[in-house]
């Protein structure tokens, strides 16, 4: 497995340890509505990280130009998809905005820090 796909998969595997902390924190701060929104945020963040790893891994096998295009273009596409998902969650499903932002932000940062720590210890 390529390094990008491996890192995406490893971060996905770490999410069951981090998700209860994020959801529990949202529940303590904002109740059940915040916890439900945090669950959605965790799923969005983990899905984005996993897809990013797979996309970069696939494009790296093609060419350096494909990798650059996937990195830059993929970032923009994922940002648009994430923004749309947040908008739908807030406007259509009336999710708690604070819980959703907490779920996405803490999950992203937490998984990235855990993975960076592992990679630093590895190298």
N, C-alpha and C. Protein backbone atom coordinates (compact mmCIF):
# COMPACT_ATOMS: atom_id res chain seq x y z
N UNK A 1 0.85 -1.18 0.00
CA UNK A 1 0.00 0.00 0.00
C UNK A 1 0.90 1.24 0.00
N UNK A 2 0.54 2.23 -0.77
CA UNK A 2 1.30 3.46 -0.84
C UNK A 2 1.21 4.23 0.47
N UNK A 3 2.17 5.11 0.68
CA UNK A 3 2.24 5.83 1.95
C UNK A 3 1.01 6.70 2.19
N UNK A 4 0.49 7.32 1.15
CA UNK A 4 -0.67 8.19 1.33
C UNK A 4 -1.90 7.39 1.74
N UNK A 5 -2.11 6.27 1.07
CA UNK A 5 -3.25 5.42 1.41
C UNK A 5 -3.08 4.82 2.80
N UNK A 6 -1.85 4.45 3.14
CA UNK A 6 -1.57 3.90 4.47
C UNK A 6 -1.90 4.91 5.56
N UNK A 7 -1.47 6.15 5.35
CA UNK A 7 -1.74 7.18 6.36
C UNK A 7 -3.23 7.48 6.48
N UNK A 8 -3.93 7.53 5.37
CA UNK A 8 -5.38 7.73 5.42
C UNK A 8 -6.09 6.61 6.15
N UNK A 9 -5.66 5.38 5.88
CA UNK A 9 -6.25 4.22 6.55
C UNK A 9 -5.92 4.21 8.03
N UNK A 10 -4.67 4.55 8.39
CA UNK A 10 -4.29 4.59 9.80
C UNK A 10 -5.08 5.64 10.57
N UNK A 11 -5.28 6.80 9.95
CA UNK A 11 -6.07 7.84 10.63
C UNK A 11 -7.53 7.39 10.79
N UNK A 12 -8.05 6.70 9.80
CA UNK A 12 -9.41 6.18 9.89
C UNK A 12 -9.52 5.16 11.02
N UNK A 13 -8.50 4.34 11.18
CA UNK A 13 -8.51 3.32 12.24
C UNK A 13 -8.38 3.94 13.63
N UNK A 14 -7.79 5.12 13.73
CA UNK A 14 -7.66 5.78 15.03
C UNK A 14 -8.94 6.51 15.44
N UNK A 15 -9.82 6.74 14.49
CA UNK A 15 -11.02 7.53 14.78
C UNK A 15 -11.94 6.91 15.84
N UNK A 16 -12.06 5.58 15.95
CA UNK A 16 -12.91 5.06 17.02
C UNK A 16 -12.42 5.41 18.43
N UNK A 17 -11.14 5.74 18.57
CA UNK A 17 -10.63 6.14 19.89
C UNK A 17 -10.91 7.61 20.16
N UNK A 18 -10.89 8.43 19.12
CA UNK A 18 -11.08 9.86 19.27
C UNK A 18 -12.55 10.26 19.24
N UNK A 19 -13.35 9.59 18.44
CA UNK A 19 -14.75 9.97 18.25
C UNK A 19 -15.56 10.02 19.55
N UNK A 20 -15.44 9.02 20.45
CA UNK A 20 -16.22 9.12 21.69
C UNK A 20 -15.86 10.34 22.54
N UNK A 21 -14.60 10.74 22.51
CA UNK A 21 -14.20 11.93 23.26
C UNK A 21 -14.83 13.19 22.68
N UNK A 22 -14.81 13.28 21.34
CA UNK A 22 -15.39 14.44 20.67
C UNK A 22 -16.89 14.50 20.89
N UNK A 23 -17.56 13.38 20.68
CA UNK A 23 -19.02 13.34 20.84
C UNK A 23 -19.40 13.56 22.30
N UNK A 24 -18.65 12.96 23.21
CA UNK A 24 -18.93 13.16 24.63
C UNK A 24 -18.74 14.60 25.05
N UNK A 25 -17.69 15.24 24.53
CA UNK A 25 -17.49 16.66 24.83
C UNK A 25 -18.63 17.52 24.31
N UNK A 26 -19.09 17.23 23.10
CA UNK A 26 -20.21 17.98 22.53
C UNK A 26 -21.48 17.74 23.35
N UNK A 27 -21.66 16.52 23.81
CA UNK A 27 -22.84 16.19 24.62
C UNK A 27 -22.81 16.97 25.94
N UNK A 28 -21.63 17.03 26.57
CA UNK A 28 -21.51 17.77 27.83
C UNK A 28 -21.76 19.26 27.64
N UNK A 29 -21.29 19.80 26.51
CA UNK A 29 -21.42 21.23 26.27
C UNK A 29 -22.81 21.63 25.76
N UNK A 30 -23.36 20.83 24.81
CA UNK A 30 -24.59 21.26 24.13
C UNK A 30 -25.70 20.22 24.11
N UNK A 31 -25.57 19.15 24.86
CA UNK A 31 -26.64 18.17 24.95
C UNK A 31 -26.68 17.23 23.75
N UNK A 32 -27.83 16.57 23.61
CA UNK A 32 -27.99 15.56 22.56
C UNK A 32 -27.89 16.14 21.16
N UNK A 33 -28.39 17.36 20.98
CA UNK A 33 -28.31 17.98 19.65
C UNK A 33 -26.86 18.21 19.24
N UNK A 34 -26.05 18.68 20.18
CA UNK A 34 -24.63 18.89 19.90
C UNK A 34 -23.91 17.58 19.63
N UNK A 35 -24.27 16.53 20.39
CA UNK A 35 -23.64 15.23 20.20
C UNK A 35 -23.98 14.65 18.83
N UNK A 36 -25.23 14.77 18.43
CA UNK A 36 -25.64 14.25 17.11
C UNK A 36 -24.91 14.99 15.99
N UNK A 37 -24.79 16.31 16.13
CA UNK A 37 -24.08 17.09 15.12
C UNK A 37 -22.60 16.73 15.12
N UNK A 38 -22.03 16.47 16.29
CA UNK A 38 -20.62 16.08 16.36
C UNK A 38 -20.37 14.74 15.68
N UNK A 39 -21.31 13.82 15.78
CA UNK A 39 -21.18 12.53 15.08
C UNK A 39 -21.09 12.77 13.58
N UNK A 40 -21.94 13.63 13.06
CA UNK A 40 -21.90 13.95 11.64
C UNK A 40 -20.56 14.60 11.29
N UNK A 41 -20.08 15.50 12.13
CA UNK A 41 -18.79 16.15 11.90
C UNK A 41 -17.64 15.16 11.89
N UNK A 42 -17.66 14.21 12.82
CA UNK A 42 -16.61 13.18 12.86
C UNK A 42 -16.63 12.36 11.58
N UNK A 43 -17.81 11.97 11.13
CA UNK A 43 -17.91 11.18 9.91
C UNK A 43 -17.41 11.96 8.69
N UNK A 44 -17.73 13.24 8.62
CA UNK A 44 -17.26 14.07 7.51
C UNK A 44 -15.73 14.19 7.52
N UNK A 45 -15.16 14.42 8.69
CA UNK A 45 -13.71 14.57 8.78
C UNK A 45 -12.98 13.27 8.45
N UNK A 46 -13.44 12.17 9.01
CA UNK A 46 -12.79 10.88 8.76
C UNK A 46 -12.92 10.49 7.29
N UNK A 47 -14.10 10.68 6.73
CA UNK A 47 -14.30 10.37 5.31
C UNK A 47 -13.41 11.21 4.42
N UNK A 48 -13.26 12.48 4.74
CA UNK A 48 -12.41 13.34 3.94
C UNK A 48 -10.95 12.91 4.01
N UNK A 49 -10.47 12.56 5.19
CA UNK A 49 -9.08 12.12 5.33
C UNK A 49 -8.83 10.80 4.59
N UNK A 50 -9.79 9.89 4.66
CA UNK A 50 -9.63 8.61 3.99
C UNK A 50 -9.62 8.79 2.47
N UNK A 51 -10.55 9.59 1.97
CA UNK A 51 -10.62 9.84 0.53
C UNK A 51 -9.36 10.56 0.05
N UNK A 52 -8.86 11.49 0.84
CA UNK A 52 -7.63 12.20 0.48
C UNK A 52 -6.47 11.23 0.31
N UNK A 53 -6.30 10.33 1.25
CA UNK A 53 -5.23 9.34 1.16
C UNK A 53 -5.34 8.48 -0.08
N UNK A 54 -6.54 8.01 -0.37
CA UNK A 54 -6.75 7.17 -1.55
C UNK A 54 -6.50 7.95 -2.85
N UNK A 55 -6.99 9.17 -2.91
CA UNK A 55 -6.82 9.99 -4.11
C UNK A 55 -5.34 10.29 -4.37
N UNK A 56 -4.61 10.68 -3.33
CA UNK A 56 -3.19 10.98 -3.50
C UNK A 56 -2.40 9.72 -3.86
N UNK A 57 -2.76 8.61 -3.27
CA UNK A 57 -2.07 7.35 -3.58
C UNK A 57 -2.30 6.96 -5.04
N UNK A 58 -3.52 7.06 -5.49
CA UNK A 58 -3.85 6.71 -6.87
C UNK A 58 -3.11 7.62 -7.85
N UNK A 59 -3.13 8.92 -7.57
CA UNK A 59 -2.51 9.86 -8.51
C UNK A 59 -0.98 9.77 -8.48
N UNK A 60 -0.39 9.41 -7.34
CA UNK A 60 1.07 9.29 -7.27
C UNK A 60 1.57 8.15 -8.15
N UNK A 61 0.76 7.13 -8.34
CA UNK A 61 1.16 6.02 -9.22
C UNK A 61 1.08 6.41 -10.68
N UNK A 62 0.38 7.49 -11.00
CA UNK A 62 0.22 7.90 -12.40
C UNK A 62 1.41 8.74 -12.86
N UNK A 63 1.61 9.89 -12.20
CA UNK A 63 2.70 10.79 -12.59
C UNK A 63 2.81 11.91 -11.56
N UNK A 64 3.95 12.61 -11.54
CA UNK A 64 4.07 13.76 -10.64
C UNK A 64 3.04 14.86 -10.96
N UNK A 65 2.73 15.02 -12.22
CA UNK A 65 1.73 16.02 -12.59
C UNK A 65 0.35 15.64 -12.07
N UNK A 66 0.02 14.35 -12.16
CA UNK A 66 -1.27 13.89 -11.64
C UNK A 66 -1.33 14.06 -10.13
N UNK A 67 -0.21 13.83 -9.45
CA UNK A 67 -0.17 14.02 -8.00
C UNK A 67 -0.41 15.48 -7.64
N UNK A 68 0.25 16.39 -8.35
CA UNK A 68 0.07 17.82 -8.10
C UNK A 68 -1.37 18.24 -8.37
N UNK A 69 -1.93 17.75 -9.45
CA UNK A 69 -3.32 18.09 -9.79
C UNK A 69 -4.28 17.54 -8.75
N UNK A 70 -4.03 16.31 -8.30
CA UNK A 70 -4.91 15.71 -7.28
C UNK A 70 -4.79 16.44 -5.95
N UNK A 71 -3.57 16.86 -5.61
CA UNK A 71 -3.38 17.57 -4.35
C UNK A 71 -4.09 18.91 -4.36
N UNK A 72 -3.88 19.69 -5.40
CA UNK A 72 -4.50 21.02 -5.45
C UNK A 72 -5.98 20.96 -5.82
N UNK A 73 -6.28 20.25 -6.90
CA UNK A 73 -7.68 20.15 -7.32
C UNK A 73 -8.52 19.38 -6.32
N UNK A 74 -7.95 18.33 -5.77
CA UNK A 74 -8.67 17.55 -4.77
C UNK A 74 -8.98 18.35 -3.53
N UNK A 75 -8.05 19.23 -3.14
CA UNK A 75 -8.30 20.09 -1.98
C UNK A 75 -9.51 20.98 -2.22
N UNK A 76 -9.55 21.60 -3.40
CA UNK A 76 -10.65 22.50 -3.72
C UNK A 76 -11.97 21.73 -3.77
N UNK A 77 -11.95 20.56 -4.42
CA UNK A 77 -13.18 19.76 -4.52
C UNK A 77 -13.64 19.31 -3.14
N UNK A 78 -12.71 18.82 -2.30
CA UNK A 78 -13.10 18.38 -0.95
C UNK A 78 -13.62 19.55 -0.11
N UNK A 79 -13.03 20.72 -0.29
CA UNK A 79 -13.50 21.90 0.44
C UNK A 79 -14.92 22.26 0.02
N UNK A 80 -15.20 22.20 -1.26
CA UNK A 80 -16.56 22.49 -1.75
C UNK A 80 -17.55 21.44 -1.24
N UNK A 81 -17.15 20.17 -1.29
CA UNK A 81 -18.03 19.09 -0.81
C UNK A 81 -18.29 19.24 0.69
N UNK A 82 -17.23 19.53 1.46
CA UNK A 82 -17.39 19.70 2.90
C UNK A 82 -18.26 20.91 3.23
N UNK A 83 -18.04 22.00 2.52
CA UNK A 83 -18.86 23.19 2.73
C UNK A 83 -20.32 22.92 2.40
N UNK A 84 -20.56 22.21 1.32
CA UNK A 84 -21.93 21.85 0.95
C UNK A 84 -22.57 20.95 1.99
N UNK A 85 -21.80 19.96 2.47
CA UNK A 85 -22.33 19.04 3.49
C UNK A 85 -22.67 19.79 4.77
N UNK A 86 -21.82 20.74 5.17
CA UNK A 86 -22.11 21.53 6.36
C UNK A 86 -23.35 22.38 6.14
N UNK A 87 -23.46 23.00 4.99
CA UNK A 87 -24.64 23.82 4.70
C UNK A 87 -25.92 22.97 4.75
N UNK A 88 -25.88 21.80 4.11
CA UNK A 88 -27.04 20.91 4.13
C UNK A 88 -27.37 20.49 5.56
N UNK A 89 -26.34 20.14 6.33
CA UNK A 89 -26.57 19.75 7.71
C UNK A 89 -27.20 20.85 8.54
N UNK A 90 -26.76 22.08 8.32
CA UNK A 90 -27.29 23.21 9.09
C UNK A 90 -28.65 23.67 8.61
N UNK A 91 -28.82 23.76 7.30
CA UNK A 91 -30.06 24.33 6.77
C UNK A 91 -31.17 23.30 6.59
N UNK A 92 -30.84 22.12 6.12
CA UNK A 92 -31.86 21.12 5.82
C UNK A 92 -32.18 20.28 7.06
N UNK A 93 -31.13 19.80 7.74
CA UNK A 93 -31.35 18.91 8.88
C UNK A 93 -31.30 19.63 10.22
N UNK A 94 -31.04 20.92 10.20
CA UNK A 94 -31.05 21.76 11.40
C UNK A 94 -30.14 21.22 12.50
N UNK A 95 -28.93 20.82 12.12
CA UNK A 95 -27.96 20.34 13.10
C UNK A 95 -27.42 21.50 13.92
N UNK A 96 -26.94 21.20 15.10
CA UNK A 96 -26.34 22.20 15.97
C UNK A 96 -25.00 22.63 15.37
N UNK A 97 -24.85 23.91 15.09
CA UNK A 97 -23.65 24.40 14.41
C UNK A 97 -22.40 24.22 15.25
N UNK A 98 -22.49 24.45 16.55
CA UNK A 98 -21.31 24.33 17.41
C UNK A 98 -20.84 22.88 17.50
N UNK A 99 -21.76 21.96 17.62
CA UNK A 99 -21.39 20.55 17.67
C UNK A 99 -20.80 20.06 16.36
N UNK A 100 -21.34 20.54 15.25
CA UNK A 100 -20.83 20.14 13.93
C UNK A 100 -19.40 20.66 13.73
N UNK A 101 -19.18 21.92 14.06
CA UNK A 101 -17.85 22.50 13.92
C UNK A 101 -16.86 21.81 14.87
N UNK A 102 -17.28 21.53 16.09
CA UNK A 102 -16.42 20.82 17.03
C UNK A 102 -16.07 19.43 16.49
N UNK A 103 -17.06 18.73 15.97
CA UNK A 103 -16.82 17.39 15.44
C UNK A 103 -15.84 17.39 14.28
N UNK A 104 -15.99 18.31 13.36
CA UNK A 104 -15.09 18.38 12.22
C UNK A 104 -13.70 18.84 12.65
N UNK A 105 -13.64 19.94 13.37
CA UNK A 105 -12.36 20.53 13.71
C UNK A 105 -11.50 19.69 14.63
N UNK A 106 -12.06 19.22 15.72
CA UNK A 106 -11.29 18.44 16.68
C UNK A 106 -10.88 17.10 16.07
N UNK A 107 -11.75 16.50 15.28
CA UNK A 107 -11.40 15.23 14.65
C UNK A 107 -10.26 15.41 13.65
N UNK A 108 -10.37 16.42 12.78
CA UNK A 108 -9.29 16.69 11.83
C UNK A 108 -7.97 16.90 12.56
N UNK A 109 -7.97 17.85 13.47
CA UNK A 109 -6.73 18.19 14.16
C UNK A 109 -6.21 17.03 15.01
N UNK A 110 -7.10 16.37 15.71
CA UNK A 110 -6.68 15.25 16.55
C UNK A 110 -6.05 14.13 15.75
N UNK A 111 -6.69 13.73 14.66
CA UNK A 111 -6.14 12.65 13.85
C UNK A 111 -4.84 13.06 13.16
N UNK A 112 -4.75 14.30 12.71
CA UNK A 112 -3.51 14.76 12.09
C UNK A 112 -2.36 14.80 13.10
N UNK A 113 -2.63 15.25 14.31
CA UNK A 113 -1.59 15.30 15.34
C UNK A 113 -1.16 13.88 15.72
N UNK A 114 -2.11 12.98 15.89
CA UNK A 114 -1.76 11.59 16.23
C UNK A 114 -0.92 10.95 15.12
N UNK A 115 -1.29 11.20 13.87
CA UNK A 115 -0.54 10.62 12.76
C UNK A 115 0.84 11.25 12.63
N UNK A 116 0.92 12.56 12.80
CA UNK A 116 2.23 13.24 12.73
C UNK A 116 3.15 12.73 13.83
N UNK A 117 2.61 12.54 15.01
CA UNK A 117 3.41 12.01 16.12
C UNK A 117 3.94 10.62 15.79
N UNK A 118 3.08 9.79 15.21
CA UNK A 118 3.50 8.44 14.84
C UNK A 118 4.59 8.49 13.77
N UNK A 119 4.43 9.34 12.77
CA UNK A 119 5.41 9.43 11.70
C UNK A 119 6.75 9.99 12.22
N UNK A 120 6.71 10.92 13.14
CA UNK A 120 7.95 11.46 13.70
C UNK A 120 8.69 10.41 14.52
N UNK A 121 7.94 9.61 15.27
CA UNK A 121 8.55 8.55 16.06
C UNK A 121 9.10 7.44 15.17
N UNK A 122 8.45 7.23 14.04
CA UNK A 122 8.87 6.19 13.09
C UNK A 122 10.20 6.56 12.43
N UNK A 123 10.34 7.83 12.05
CA UNK A 123 11.50 8.27 11.27
C UNK A 123 12.61 8.67 12.15
